[in-house]
Structure formats: structure tokens, C-alpha cells
Amino acid sequence: MSVEHGFHATLTARPGKRDEVVEFLLNAPSLTNDDCVVFLVSRSAGNPDVVHVTEGWTTAEAHSAFFATEEAQALVANLQTLLDGESTYSDELPVGGKAAF
């Protein structure tokens, strides 16, 4: 499945909440959405409060449709309570690789 829309997000958790942010993201419903073909959650090695997320979606429209749902809006609102400051986003289109956990 090809990825036509994606991004990389850097989130800063409130102090002591990083693991909660990671767990929250790893249980996100986008992981079961067929249009979300890449969803990678990473911790910063140098900053204990930073979490990175890489997402790849089949289309920008599929991403927008998912985040327009009430369920997704509620999840975003709940996630915001765990974060400190504004998250940063950069344009990114995952093209392949390997993940073994």
C-alpha cells in the first residue's frame, strides 16, 4: 500500500508523563485503521520528556477523515492533557524500512 501523506511529530510530555504518552499512542485507534500504514512511536534518547511519532497514510483525505471523527477528536483532547507546550510537525513520507520490536 502506498503512502501519499505523512508527517513526523515531536511531542513534549509533561514532566514524568512520557511513558503515559507512549502507552496512549501505542493504543491509538489509528493503529487499526487500514488507511494508516505507518505509525511509529519513539522515545528521545537525550530528553526524557520527548516522544516522536511518524505517521504514513494512504491519502491526506483519509487522514483528515479519521481525525474528523468524534472518537479521534476526544483522543486528541485527552492526549493534550499529557503534553507540555506545542508539538512540532514536519512533512515526511515514509517509503520503507524495517521494524522489529
N, C-alpha and C. Protein backbone atom coordinates (compact mmCIF):
# COMPACT_ATOMS: atom_id res chain seq x y z
N MET A 1 0.85 -1.16 0.00
CA MET A 1 0.00 0.00 0.00
C MET A 1 0.90 1.23 0.00
N SER A 2 0.60 2.19 -0.85
CA SER A 2 1.46 3.37 -0.94
C SER A 2 1.06 4.44 0.08
N VAL A 3 2.03 5.25 0.43
CA VAL A 3 1.83 6.35 1.37
C VAL A 3 1.90 7.65 0.57
N GLU A 4 0.82 8.40 0.60
CA GLU A 4 0.79 9.68 -0.11
C GLU A 4 0.73 10.87 0.86
N HIS A 5 0.57 10.59 2.15
CA HIS A 5 0.51 11.65 3.15
C HIS A 5 1.18 11.15 4.42
N GLY A 6 2.02 11.99 4.99
CA GLY A 6 2.67 11.59 6.23
C GLY A 6 3.31 12.77 6.91
N PHE A 7 3.75 12.51 8.12
CA PHE A 7 4.43 13.55 8.89
C PHE A 7 5.19 12.92 10.04
N HIS A 8 6.06 13.74 10.59
CA HIS A 8 6.81 13.37 11.79
C HIS A 8 6.46 14.41 12.85
N ALA A 9 6.04 13.97 14.01
CA ALA A 9 5.66 14.88 15.10
C ALA A 9 6.61 14.68 16.27
N THR A 10 6.95 15.78 16.90
CA THR A 10 7.73 15.76 18.13
C THR A 10 6.85 16.33 19.23
N LEU A 11 6.59 15.51 20.23
CA LEU A 11 5.72 15.89 21.34
C LEU A 11 6.55 15.96 22.62
N THR A 12 6.25 16.93 23.44
CA THR A 12 6.92 17.03 24.73
C THR A 12 5.90 16.73 25.82
N ALA A 13 6.15 15.66 26.55
CA ALA A 13 5.26 15.26 27.63
C ALA A 13 5.48 16.16 28.84
N ARG A 14 4.44 16.30 29.64
CA ARG A 14 4.61 16.97 30.93
C ARG A 14 5.64 16.14 31.71
N PRO A 15 6.42 16.77 32.57
CA PRO A 15 7.43 16.03 33.31
C PRO A 15 6.85 14.78 33.98
N GLY A 16 7.51 13.66 33.76
CA GLY A 16 7.09 12.40 34.35
C GLY A 16 5.97 11.68 33.61
N LYS A 17 5.48 12.25 32.51
CA LYS A 17 4.34 11.66 31.79
C LYS A 17 4.73 10.99 30.47
N ARG A 18 6.03 10.93 30.16
CA ARG A 18 6.46 10.36 28.88
C ARG A 18 5.93 8.95 28.65
N ASP A 19 6.07 8.08 29.63
CA ASP A 19 5.63 6.70 29.45
C ASP A 19 4.13 6.62 29.24
N GLU A 20 3.39 7.50 29.89
CA GLU A 20 1.94 7.55 29.71
C GLU A 20 1.59 8.00 28.28
N VAL A 21 2.34 8.97 27.76
CA VAL A 21 2.13 9.42 26.38
C VAL A 21 2.43 8.27 25.41
N VAL A 22 3.54 7.58 25.62
CA VAL A 22 3.90 6.45 24.75
C VAL A 22 2.80 5.40 24.77
N GLU A 23 2.36 5.01 25.94
CA GLU A 23 1.31 3.99 26.07
C GLU A 23 0.01 4.45 25.39
N PHE A 24 -0.34 5.70 25.59
CA PHE A 24 -1.54 6.27 24.98
C PHE A 24 -1.45 6.15 23.46
N LEU A 25 -0.31 6.54 22.90
CA LEU A 25 -0.14 6.50 21.44
C LEU A 25 -0.14 5.07 20.91
N LEU A 26 0.47 4.15 21.65
CA LEU A 26 0.53 2.76 21.19
C LEU A 26 -0.83 2.07 21.24
N ASN A 27 -1.79 2.69 21.88
CA ASN A 27 -3.15 2.16 21.91
C ASN A 27 -4.11 3.00 21.06
N ALA A 28 -3.58 3.87 20.23
CA ALA A 28 -4.41 4.75 19.41
C ALA A 28 -5.17 3.95 18.35
N PRO A 29 -6.40 4.33 18.06
CA PRO A 29 -7.19 3.61 17.07
C PRO A 29 -6.65 3.73 15.65
N SER A 30 -5.79 4.69 15.38
CA SER A 30 -5.22 4.78 14.05
C SER A 30 -4.39 3.54 13.72
N LEU A 31 -3.91 2.83 14.75
CA LEU A 31 -3.16 1.60 14.51
C LEU A 31 -4.01 0.53 13.86
N THR A 32 -5.31 0.60 14.01
CA THR A 32 -6.20 -0.40 13.39
C THR A 32 -6.90 0.15 12.16
N ASN A 33 -6.60 1.37 11.76
CA ASN A 33 -7.21 1.97 10.57
C ASN A 33 -6.42 1.52 9.34
N ASP A 34 -7.10 0.93 8.36
CA ASP A 34 -6.42 0.41 7.18
C ASP A 34 -5.71 1.49 6.37
N ASP A 35 -6.15 2.74 6.48
CA ASP A 35 -5.52 3.82 5.74
C ASP A 35 -4.25 4.34 6.42
N CYS A 36 -4.03 3.98 7.66
CA CYS A 36 -2.80 4.34 8.37
C CYS A 36 -1.84 3.17 8.21
N VAL A 37 -0.86 3.33 7.32
CA VAL A 37 0.03 2.21 7.01
C VAL A 37 1.36 2.28 7.75
N VAL A 38 1.66 3.44 8.34
CA VAL A 38 2.86 3.59 9.18
C VAL A 38 2.46 4.36 10.42
N PHE A 39 2.79 3.82 11.58
CA PHE A 39 2.56 4.53 12.84
C PHE A 39 3.65 4.07 13.78
N LEU A 40 4.68 4.89 13.92
CA LEU A 40 5.85 4.54 14.71
C LEU A 40 6.00 5.53 15.86
N VAL A 41 6.09 5.01 17.06
CA VAL A 41 6.26 5.82 18.26
C VAL A 41 7.66 5.57 18.79
N SER A 42 8.40 6.66 19.09
CA SER A 42 9.77 6.56 19.57
C SER A 42 9.98 7.49 20.76
N ARG A 43 10.90 7.12 21.64
CA ARG A 43 11.32 7.99 22.73
C ARG A 43 12.62 8.67 22.33
N SER A 44 12.82 9.87 22.82
CA SER A 44 14.09 10.55 22.63
C SER A 44 15.14 9.89 23.52
N ALA A 45 16.32 9.69 22.98
CA ALA A 45 17.41 9.12 23.78
C ALA A 45 18.03 10.18 24.69
N GLY A 46 17.89 11.46 24.32
CA GLY A 46 18.55 12.51 25.08
C GLY A 46 17.65 13.36 25.96
N ASN A 47 16.34 13.29 25.73
CA ASN A 47 15.42 14.10 26.52
C ASN A 47 14.31 13.20 27.05
N PRO A 48 14.22 13.01 28.36
CA PRO A 48 13.27 12.06 28.92
C PRO A 48 11.80 12.45 28.75
N ASP A 49 11.52 13.65 28.29
CA ASP A 49 10.13 14.08 28.12
C ASP A 49 9.67 14.10 26.66
N VAL A 50 10.56 13.79 25.72
CA VAL A 50 10.22 13.91 24.30
C VAL A 50 9.84 12.57 23.69
N VAL A 51 8.75 12.61 22.91
CA VAL A 51 8.25 11.45 22.19
C VAL A 51 8.11 11.86 20.72
N HIS A 52 8.51 10.96 19.82
CA HIS A 52 8.38 11.20 18.38
C HIS A 52 7.35 10.24 17.80
N VAL A 53 6.59 10.73 16.84
CA VAL A 53 5.61 9.89 16.14
C VAL A 53 5.80 10.10 14.65
N THR A 54 5.89 9.01 13.91
CA THR A 54 5.93 9.07 12.45
C THR A 54 4.68 8.37 11.95
N GLU A 55 3.93 9.07 11.11
CA GLU A 55 2.71 8.51 10.54
C GLU A 55 2.77 8.55 9.03
N GLY A 56 2.22 7.52 8.39
CA GLY A 56 2.07 7.48 6.95
C GLY A 56 0.67 6.99 6.62
N TRP A 57 -0.05 7.78 5.82
CA TRP A 57 -1.43 7.48 5.46
C TRP A 57 -1.56 7.32 3.95
N THR A 58 -2.55 6.56 3.53
CA THR A 58 -2.75 6.35 2.10
C THR A 58 -2.99 7.66 1.37
N THR A 59 -3.76 8.57 1.98
CA THR A 59 -4.02 9.89 1.39
C THR A 59 -4.23 10.91 2.50
N ALA A 60 -4.09 12.17 2.15
CA ALA A 60 -4.37 13.25 3.10
C ALA A 60 -5.84 13.24 3.47
N GLU A 61 -6.70 12.89 2.52
CA GLU A 61 -8.14 12.84 2.78
C GLU A 61 -8.49 11.76 3.80
N ALA A 62 -7.83 10.62 3.72
CA ALA A 62 -8.08 9.54 4.70
C ALA A 62 -7.65 9.98 6.10
N HIS A 63 -6.52 10.67 6.17
CA HIS A 63 -6.05 11.19 7.46
C HIS A 63 -7.04 12.20 8.02
N SER A 64 -7.47 13.13 7.19
CA SER A 64 -8.43 14.15 7.63
C SER A 64 -9.75 13.53 8.06
N ALA A 65 -10.23 12.54 7.30
CA ALA A 65 -11.50 11.89 7.63
C ALA A 65 -11.41 11.19 8.99
N PHE A 66 -10.28 10.53 9.25
CA PHE A 66 -10.12 9.85 10.53
C PHE A 66 -10.13 10.86 11.68
N PHE A 67 -9.37 11.95 11.53
CA PHE A 67 -9.27 12.91 12.63
C PHE A 67 -10.49 13.82 12.74
N ALA A 68 -11.41 13.72 11.82
CA ALA A 68 -12.66 14.48 11.92
C ALA A 68 -13.70 13.74 12.76
N THR A 69 -13.44 12.47 13.10
CA THR A 69 -14.40 11.70 13.88
C THR A 69 -14.41 12.17 15.33
N GLU A 70 -15.54 11.99 15.99
CA GLU A 70 -15.64 12.36 17.40
C GLU A 70 -14.65 11.58 18.26
N GLU A 71 -14.47 10.30 17.93
CA GLU A 71 -13.53 9.46 18.69
C GLU A 71 -12.11 10.03 18.62
N ALA A 72 -11.68 10.39 17.42
CA ALA A 72 -10.33 10.93 17.25
C ALA A 72 -10.20 12.28 17.93
N GLN A 73 -11.21 13.12 17.84
CA GLN A 73 -11.17 14.43 18.48
C GLN A 73 -11.06 14.29 20.00
N ALA A 74 -11.77 13.32 20.56
CA ALA A 74 -11.69 13.07 22.00
C ALA A 74 -10.30 12.57 22.39
N LEU A 75 -9.72 11.70 21.57
CA LEU A 75 -8.38 11.20 21.85
C LEU A 75 -7.35 12.32 21.82
N VAL A 76 -7.46 13.20 20.83
CA VAL A 76 -6.53 14.33 20.73
C VAL A 76 -6.67 15.22 21.97
N ALA A 77 -7.88 15.48 22.39
CA ALA A 77 -8.11 16.31 23.58
C ALA A 77 -7.50 15.65 24.82
N ASN A 78 -7.67 14.34 24.96
CA ASN A 78 -7.08 13.63 26.10
C ASN A 78 -5.56 13.63 26.04
N LEU A 79 -5.01 13.46 24.86
CA LEU A 79 -3.56 13.48 24.71
C LEU A 79 -3.00 14.84 25.11
N GLN A 80 -3.68 15.90 24.74
CA GLN A 80 -3.21 17.26 25.05
C GLN A 80 -3.02 17.47 26.55
N THR A 81 -3.80 16.78 27.37
CA THR A 81 -3.66 16.94 28.83
C THR A 81 -2.34 16.37 29.34
N LEU A 82 -1.70 15.52 28.54
CA LEU A 82 -0.43 14.90 28.92
C LEU A 82 0.77 15.66 28.38
N LEU A 83 0.53 16.65 27.52
CA LEU A 83 1.61 17.33 26.82
C LEU A 83 1.90 18.70 27.41
N ASP A 84 3.13 19.12 27.20
CA ASP A 84 3.60 20.42 27.67
C ASP A 84 4.02 21.23 26.44
N GLY A 85 3.36 22.34 26.19
CA GLY A 85 3.73 23.18 25.07
C GLY A 85 3.17 22.67 23.75
N GLU A 86 3.62 23.31 22.69
CA GLU A 86 3.15 22.97 21.34
C GLU A 86 4.01 21.86 20.75
N SER A 87 3.37 20.95 20.05
CA SER A 87 4.08 19.90 19.33
C SER A 87 4.57 20.48 18.00
N THR A 88 5.64 19.90 17.47
CA THR A 88 6.13 20.34 16.17
C THR A 88 5.91 19.22 15.15
N TYR A 89 5.65 19.62 13.92
CA TYR A 89 5.37 18.67 12.84
C TYR A 89 6.23 18.99 11.64
N SER A 90 6.71 17.97 10.98
CA SER A 90 7.43 18.17 9.74
C SER A 90 6.89 17.20 8.69
N ASP A 91 6.95 17.65 7.46
CA ASP A 91 6.49 16.86 6.32
C ASP A 91 7.38 15.63 6.17
N GLU A 92 6.77 14.48 6.02
CA GLU A 92 7.54 13.25 5.88
C GLU A 92 6.68 12.20 5.19
N LEU A 93 7.25 11.50 4.22
CA LEU A 93 6.56 10.40 3.56
C LEU A 93 7.38 9.13 3.75
N PRO A 94 6.98 8.27 4.69
CA PRO A 94 7.71 7.01 4.86
C PRO A 94 7.69 6.20 3.58
N VAL A 95 8.84 5.62 3.22
CA VAL A 95 8.93 4.85 1.97
C VAL A 95 9.30 3.39 2.17
N GLY A 96 9.72 3.02 3.38
CA GLY A 96 10.08 1.63 3.61
C GLY A 96 11.04 1.53 4.77
N GLY A 97 11.49 0.33 5.03
CA GLY A 97 12.45 0.12 6.10
C GLY A 97 12.16 -1.16 6.85
N LYS A 98 12.52 -1.15 8.09
CA LYS A 98 12.39 -2.35 8.91
C LYS A 98 12.06 -1.95 10.34
N ALA A 99 11.23 -2.70 10.98
CA ALA A 99 10.93 -2.50 12.39
C ALA A 99 10.80 -3.87 13.04
N ALA A 100 11.53 -4.08 14.08
CA ALA A 100 11.44 -5.34 14.83
C ALA A 100 11.40 -4.98 16.31
N PHE A 101 10.32 -5.33 16.98
CA PHE A 101 10.18 -4.96 18.38
C PHE A 101 10.07 -6.19 19.23
